[in-house]
Amino acid sequence: MAYILNNNMSAAPLEARCRKEAYTSMEDARAMARYINETRSSREIRVYKCPVCEYWHLTSRGKP
């Protein structure tokens, strides 16, 4: 899909660099991780900053 700009130029929408749910702040990501850890009996969820998109993601994997 392409968009038509005011000056008759077109631009394609940006593709997401990561496919994971992204949080713009560490605080938002930590709040979600805390909620998941308190309400689910699964592996511990932690927060990390993605080196690809520069946003915050959640993971249940061990620390890198």
N, C-alpha and C. Protein backbone atom coordinates (compact mmCIF):
# COMPACT_ATOMS: atom_id res chain seq x y z
N MET A 1 0.85 -1.17 0.00
CA MET A 1 0.00 0.00 0.00
C MET A 1 0.89 1.22 0.00
N ALA A 2 0.55 2.21 -0.77
CA ALA A 2 1.30 3.46 -0.82
C ALA A 2 0.37 4.61 -0.47
N TYR A 3 0.93 5.64 0.06
CA TYR A 3 0.16 6.82 0.42
C TYR A 3 0.47 7.93 -0.57
N ILE A 4 -0.51 8.76 -0.87
CA ILE A 4 -0.31 9.90 -1.76
C ILE A 4 -0.12 11.15 -0.89
N LEU A 5 0.98 11.81 -1.06
CA LEU A 5 1.27 13.03 -0.31
C LEU A 5 0.68 14.23 -1.04
N ASN A 6 0.66 15.37 -0.39
CA ASN A 6 0.07 16.58 -0.96
C ASN A 6 0.70 17.00 -2.28
N ASN A 7 1.97 16.79 -2.45
CA ASN A 7 2.64 17.25 -3.67
C ASN A 7 2.73 16.13 -4.72
N ASN A 8 1.75 15.22 -4.72
CA ASN A 8 1.63 14.10 -5.67
C ASN A 8 2.77 13.09 -5.61
N MET A 9 3.54 13.11 -4.55
CA MET A 9 4.55 12.08 -4.35
C MET A 9 3.91 10.95 -3.54
N SER A 10 4.37 9.75 -3.71
CA SER A 10 3.83 8.64 -2.93
C SER A 10 4.90 8.11 -1.99
N ALA A 11 4.46 7.53 -0.90
CA ALA A 11 5.37 6.96 0.08
C ALA A 11 4.78 5.68 0.62
N ALA A 12 5.59 4.65 0.71
CA ALA A 12 5.15 3.38 1.29
C ALA A 12 5.25 3.47 2.80
N PRO A 13 4.34 2.83 3.53
CA PRO A 13 4.44 2.84 4.99
C PRO A 13 5.70 2.13 5.44
N LEU A 14 6.23 2.53 6.60
CA LEU A 14 7.44 1.91 7.12
C LEU A 14 7.14 0.51 7.63
N GLU A 15 8.01 -0.40 7.36
CA GLU A 15 7.89 -1.75 7.89
C GLU A 15 8.44 -1.75 9.32
N ALA A 16 7.79 -2.48 10.18
CA ALA A 16 8.28 -2.60 11.55
C ALA A 16 9.60 -3.37 11.53
N ARG A 17 10.56 -2.89 12.29
CA ARG A 17 11.87 -3.55 12.31
C ARG A 17 11.86 -4.79 13.20
N CYS A 18 10.97 -4.80 14.17
CA CYS A 18 10.82 -5.96 15.04
C CYS A 18 9.37 -6.41 14.99
N ARG A 19 9.16 -7.68 15.20
CA ARG A 19 7.79 -8.19 15.18
C ARG A 19 7.22 -8.35 16.58
N LYS A 20 8.01 -8.09 17.59
CA LYS A 20 7.56 -8.24 18.97
C LYS A 20 6.80 -6.99 19.41
N GLU A 21 5.98 -7.17 20.43
CA GLU A 21 5.30 -6.04 21.06
C GLU A 21 6.37 -5.10 21.60
N ALA A 22 6.25 -3.82 21.30
CA ALA A 22 7.27 -2.84 21.70
C ALA A 22 6.67 -1.82 22.65
N TYR A 23 7.46 -1.41 23.62
CA TYR A 23 7.07 -0.38 24.58
C TYR A 23 8.04 0.79 24.43
N THR A 24 7.50 2.01 24.47
CA THR A 24 8.34 3.18 24.24
C THR A 24 9.17 3.56 25.45
N SER A 25 8.76 3.12 26.63
CA SER A 25 9.55 3.45 27.82
C SER A 25 9.80 2.21 28.66
N MET A 26 10.88 2.23 29.38
CA MET A 26 11.22 1.12 30.26
C MET A 26 10.16 0.97 31.35
N GLU A 27 9.61 2.08 31.82
CA GLU A 27 8.60 2.02 32.87
C GLU A 27 7.35 1.29 32.41
N ASP A 28 6.91 1.56 31.17
CA ASP A 28 5.74 0.87 30.63
C ASP A 28 6.00 -0.63 30.49
N ALA A 29 7.17 -0.98 29.99
CA ALA A 29 7.53 -2.38 29.82
C ALA A 29 7.62 -3.08 31.18
N ARG A 30 8.21 -2.42 32.17
CA ARG A 30 8.31 -3.01 33.51
C ARG A 30 6.94 -3.20 34.14
N ALA A 31 6.04 -2.26 33.93
CA ALA A 31 4.68 -2.39 34.47
C ALA A 31 3.99 -3.61 33.88
N MET A 32 4.13 -3.82 32.58
CA MET A 32 3.52 -4.98 31.94
C MET A 32 4.18 -6.27 32.42
N ALA A 33 5.49 -6.29 32.53
CA ALA A 33 6.19 -7.48 33.02
C ALA A 33 5.75 -7.80 34.45
N ARG A 34 5.61 -6.79 35.28
CA ARG A 34 5.16 -6.98 36.65
C ARG A 34 3.76 -7.58 36.68
N TYR A 35 2.87 -7.06 35.84
CA TYR A 35 1.50 -7.56 35.76
C TYR A 35 1.49 -9.04 35.33
N ILE A 36 2.26 -9.36 34.30
CA ILE A 36 2.32 -10.75 33.82
C ILE A 36 2.89 -11.66 34.89
N ASN A 37 3.95 -11.24 35.56
CA ASN A 37 4.58 -12.07 36.59
C ASN A 37 3.64 -12.30 37.78
N GLU A 38 2.79 -11.31 38.09
CA GLU A 38 1.87 -11.45 39.22
C GLU A 38 0.63 -12.27 38.88
N THR A 39 0.22 -12.28 37.63
CA THR A 39 -1.04 -12.93 37.27
C THR A 39 -0.90 -14.27 36.58
N ARG A 40 0.28 -14.63 36.15
CA ARG A 40 0.48 -15.89 35.45
C ARG A 40 1.53 -16.73 36.16
N SER A 41 1.37 -18.02 36.07
CA SER A 41 2.37 -18.91 36.68
C SER A 41 3.23 -19.52 35.58
N SER A 42 4.00 -18.67 34.96
CA SER A 42 4.91 -19.12 33.91
C SER A 42 6.33 -18.68 34.28
N ARG A 43 7.20 -18.75 33.33
CA ARG A 43 8.57 -18.30 33.59
C ARG A 43 8.58 -16.81 33.91
N GLU A 44 9.60 -16.40 34.61
CA GLU A 44 9.77 -14.99 34.97
C GLU A 44 9.96 -14.15 33.71
N ILE A 45 9.22 -13.07 33.61
CA ILE A 45 9.32 -12.15 32.46
C ILE A 45 10.26 -11.02 32.83
N ARG A 46 11.13 -10.66 31.91
CA ARG A 46 12.03 -9.52 32.14
C ARG A 46 11.97 -8.58 30.95
N VAL A 47 12.54 -7.41 31.13
CA VAL A 47 12.51 -6.33 30.14
C VAL A 47 13.91 -6.17 29.55
N TYR A 48 13.97 -5.87 28.25
CA TYR A 48 15.26 -5.56 27.64
C TYR A 48 15.08 -4.55 26.53
N LYS A 49 16.12 -3.77 26.28
CA LYS A 49 16.09 -2.79 25.19
C LYS A 49 16.61 -3.45 23.93
N CYS A 50 15.83 -3.37 22.87
CA CYS A 50 16.16 -4.02 21.61
C CYS A 50 17.26 -3.24 20.87
N PRO A 51 18.31 -3.93 20.45
CA PRO A 51 19.38 -3.26 19.70
C PRO A 51 18.97 -2.94 18.26
N VAL A 52 17.88 -3.53 17.78
CA VAL A 52 17.44 -3.31 16.40
C VAL A 52 16.53 -2.09 16.31
N CYS A 53 15.46 -2.06 17.13
CA CYS A 53 14.47 -0.98 17.01
C CYS A 53 14.60 0.10 18.09
N GLU A 54 15.43 -0.16 19.12
CA GLU A 54 15.66 0.80 20.21
C GLU A 54 14.46 0.96 21.14
N TYR A 55 13.46 0.08 21.04
CA TYR A 55 12.33 0.09 21.97
C TYR A 55 12.53 -1.01 23.00
N TRP A 56 11.61 -1.10 23.94
CA TRP A 56 11.69 -2.08 25.02
C TRP A 56 10.77 -3.26 24.70
N HIS A 57 11.26 -4.47 24.96
CA HIS A 57 10.50 -5.70 24.74
C HIS A 57 10.50 -6.53 26.02
N LEU A 58 9.64 -7.56 26.03
CA LEU A 58 9.57 -8.50 27.14
C LEU A 58 10.08 -9.85 26.67
N THR A 59 10.71 -10.59 27.58
CA THR A 59 11.17 -11.94 27.25
C THR A 59 11.11 -12.81 28.49
N SER A 60 11.02 -14.10 28.28
CA SER A 60 11.10 -15.06 29.38
C SER A 60 12.42 -15.81 29.33
N ARG A 61 13.26 -15.51 28.38
CA ARG A 61 14.57 -16.14 28.28
C ARG A 61 15.50 -15.57 29.34
N GLY A 62 16.53 -16.33 29.63
CA GLY A 62 17.53 -15.89 30.60
C GLY A 62 18.28 -14.67 30.13
N LYS A 63 19.02 -14.07 31.03
CA LYS A 63 19.78 -12.87 30.67
C LYS A 63 20.86 -13.22 29.65
N PRO A 64 21.06 -12.31 28.68
CA PRO A 64 22.07 -12.57 27.64
C PRO A 64 23.49 -12.53 28.17
